[in-house]
Amino acid sequence: MAWFYLFIAGLLEVVWAYFMKQSQGFTRFSPSLITMVSMAASFGLLAVAMRTLPLGAAYTIWTGIGAVGAFLVGIVVLGEPVTALRILAALLLVGGIVLMKVSSNYILKA
């Protein structure tokens, strides 16, 4: 269940990042409220996942899901530019997330 909680926490990081952008510096109430609620839920689920997952793996994967997810939302929803370097950066992040997950499974079994 810890990996599931971590995954949902990462998705919620994307939600709060998007709504933080929509809040226009916390000047709009509804997006600001969604930011705060999703941020609290994301941190809460991360904390629950960290009860059993290694710190390095949990935090790296959580931030990676958030970073790649925000990158994709920026492109798909906000029309941000797609460049070869940005795609390469996202692919490197995904590779790092996969390697961290694989290495964490090894650590937990050893």
Protein backbone atom coordinates (compact mmCIF):
# COMPACT_ATOMS: atom_id res chain seq x y z
CA MET A 1 0.00 0.00 0.00
CA ALA A 2 2.91 2.39 0.64
CA TRP A 3 3.75 2.57 -3.08
CA PHE A 4 0.09 3.29 -3.88
CA TYR A 5 -0.01 6.09 -1.29
CA LEU A 6 3.21 7.48 -2.71
CA PHE A 7 1.82 7.43 -6.25
CA ILE A 8 -1.37 9.26 -5.19
CA ALA A 9 0.75 11.76 -3.21
CA GLY A 10 2.75 12.42 -6.39
CA LEU A 11 -0.41 12.98 -8.43
CA LEU A 12 -1.68 15.38 -5.78
CA GLU A 13 1.58 17.28 -6.11
CA VAL A 14 0.70 17.86 -9.76
CA VAL A 15 -2.78 19.03 -8.72
CA TRP A 16 -1.48 21.56 -6.22
CA ALA A 17 1.19 22.84 -8.60
CA TYR A 18 -1.42 23.41 -11.32
CA PHE A 19 -3.85 25.16 -9.00
CA MET A 20 -1.07 27.24 -7.48
CA LYS A 21 -0.47 28.56 -11.00
CA GLN A 22 -4.21 29.19 -11.38
CA SER A 23 -4.36 31.03 -8.03
CA GLN A 24 -2.30 33.89 -9.51
CA GLY A 25 -0.13 34.27 -6.43
CA PHE A 26 -2.91 33.23 -4.03
CA THR A 27 -5.11 36.13 -5.13
CA ARG A 28 -7.96 33.84 -6.30
CA PHE A 29 -9.83 32.02 -3.53
CA SER A 30 -10.97 28.73 -5.12
CA PRO A 31 -7.66 27.78 -6.75
CA SER A 32 -5.84 28.81 -3.56
CA LEU A 33 -8.09 26.57 -1.47
CA ILE A 34 -7.62 23.62 -3.85
CA THR A 35 -3.86 24.23 -3.69
CA MET A 36 -3.82 24.10 0.11
CA VAL A 37 -6.07 21.05 0.42
CA SER A 38 -4.26 19.03 -2.23
CA MET A 39 -0.89 20.08 -0.77
CA ALA A 40 -1.90 18.89 2.70
CA ALA A 41 -3.22 15.61 1.29
CA SER A 42 -0.06 15.10 -0.75
CA PHE A 43 2.20 15.68 2.26
CA GLY A 44 -0.01 13.47 4.42
CA LEU A 45 0.12 10.55 2.00
CA LEU A 46 3.87 11.03 1.56
CA ALA A 47 4.26 10.81 5.34
CA VAL A 48 2.21 7.61 5.49
CA ALA A 49 4.25 6.07 2.67
CA MET A 50 7.49 7.01 4.41
CA ARG A 51 6.56 4.86 7.39
CA THR A 52 7.77 1.86 5.41
CA LEU A 53 9.63 3.20 2.37
CA PRO A 54 13.21 4.48 2.44
CA LEU A 55 13.45 8.27 2.65
CA GLY A 56 15.58 8.66 -0.46
CA ALA A 57 13.31 6.56 -2.61
CA ALA A 58 10.02 7.98 -1.34
CA TYR A 59 11.05 11.62 -1.64
CA THR A 60 12.74 11.18 -5.01
CA ILE A 61 9.79 9.34 -6.52
CA TRP A 62 7.28 11.81 -5.06
CA THR A 63 9.09 14.82 -6.47
CA GLY A 64 9.71 13.02 -9.76
CA ILE A 65 6.03 12.24 -10.27
CA GLY A 66 5.25 15.86 -9.46
CA ALA A 67 7.91 17.25 -11.78
CA VAL A 68 7.06 15.07 -14.76
CA GLY A 69 3.33 15.46 -14.14
CA ALA A 70 3.61 19.24 -13.94
CA PHE A 71 5.71 19.21 -17.11
CA LEU A 72 2.98 17.26 -18.94
CA VAL A 73 0.16 19.42 -17.57
CA GLY A 74 2.10 22.50 -18.62
CA ILE A 75 2.33 21.22 -22.18
CA VAL A 76 -1.13 19.67 -22.55
CA VAL A 77 -3.26 22.09 -20.51
CA LEU A 78 -1.32 25.35 -20.43
CA GLY A 79 0.23 25.22 -23.90
CA GLU A 80 3.82 25.48 -22.71
CA PRO A 81 6.50 24.89 -25.37
CA VAL A 82 7.69 21.41 -26.32
CA THR A 83 11.40 21.33 -27.05
CA ALA A 84 13.86 18.50 -27.47
CA LEU A 85 15.77 19.55 -24.36
CA ARG A 86 12.63 19.66 -22.20
CA ILE A 87 11.60 16.22 -23.44
CA LEU A 88 15.09 14.88 -22.74
CA ALA A 89 14.97 16.33 -19.23
CA ALA A 90 11.58 14.68 -18.58
CA LEU A 91 12.85 11.34 -19.91
CA LEU A 92 15.88 11.55 -17.62
CA LEU A 93 13.57 12.20 -14.67
CA VAL A 94 11.41 9.20 -15.58
CA GLY A 95 14.54 7.06 -15.89
CA GLY A 96 15.67 8.20 -12.45
CA ILE A 97 12.25 7.42 -10.96
CA VAL A 98 12.27 3.92 -12.45
CA LEU A 99 15.81 3.24 -11.23
CA MET A 100 14.97 4.50 -7.74
CA LYS A 101 11.89 2.26 -7.60
CA VAL A 102 13.83 -0.79 -8.80
CA SER A 103 16.69 -0.17 -6.38
CA SER A 104 14.24 0.39 -3.51
CA ASN A 105 12.58 -2.98 -4.11
CA TYR A 106 16.00 -4.56 -3.86
CA ILE A 107 16.74 -2.72 -0.59
CA LEU A 108 13.38 -3.69 0.94
CA LYS A 109 13.91 -7.38 0.10
CA ALA A 110 17.53 -7.57 1.27
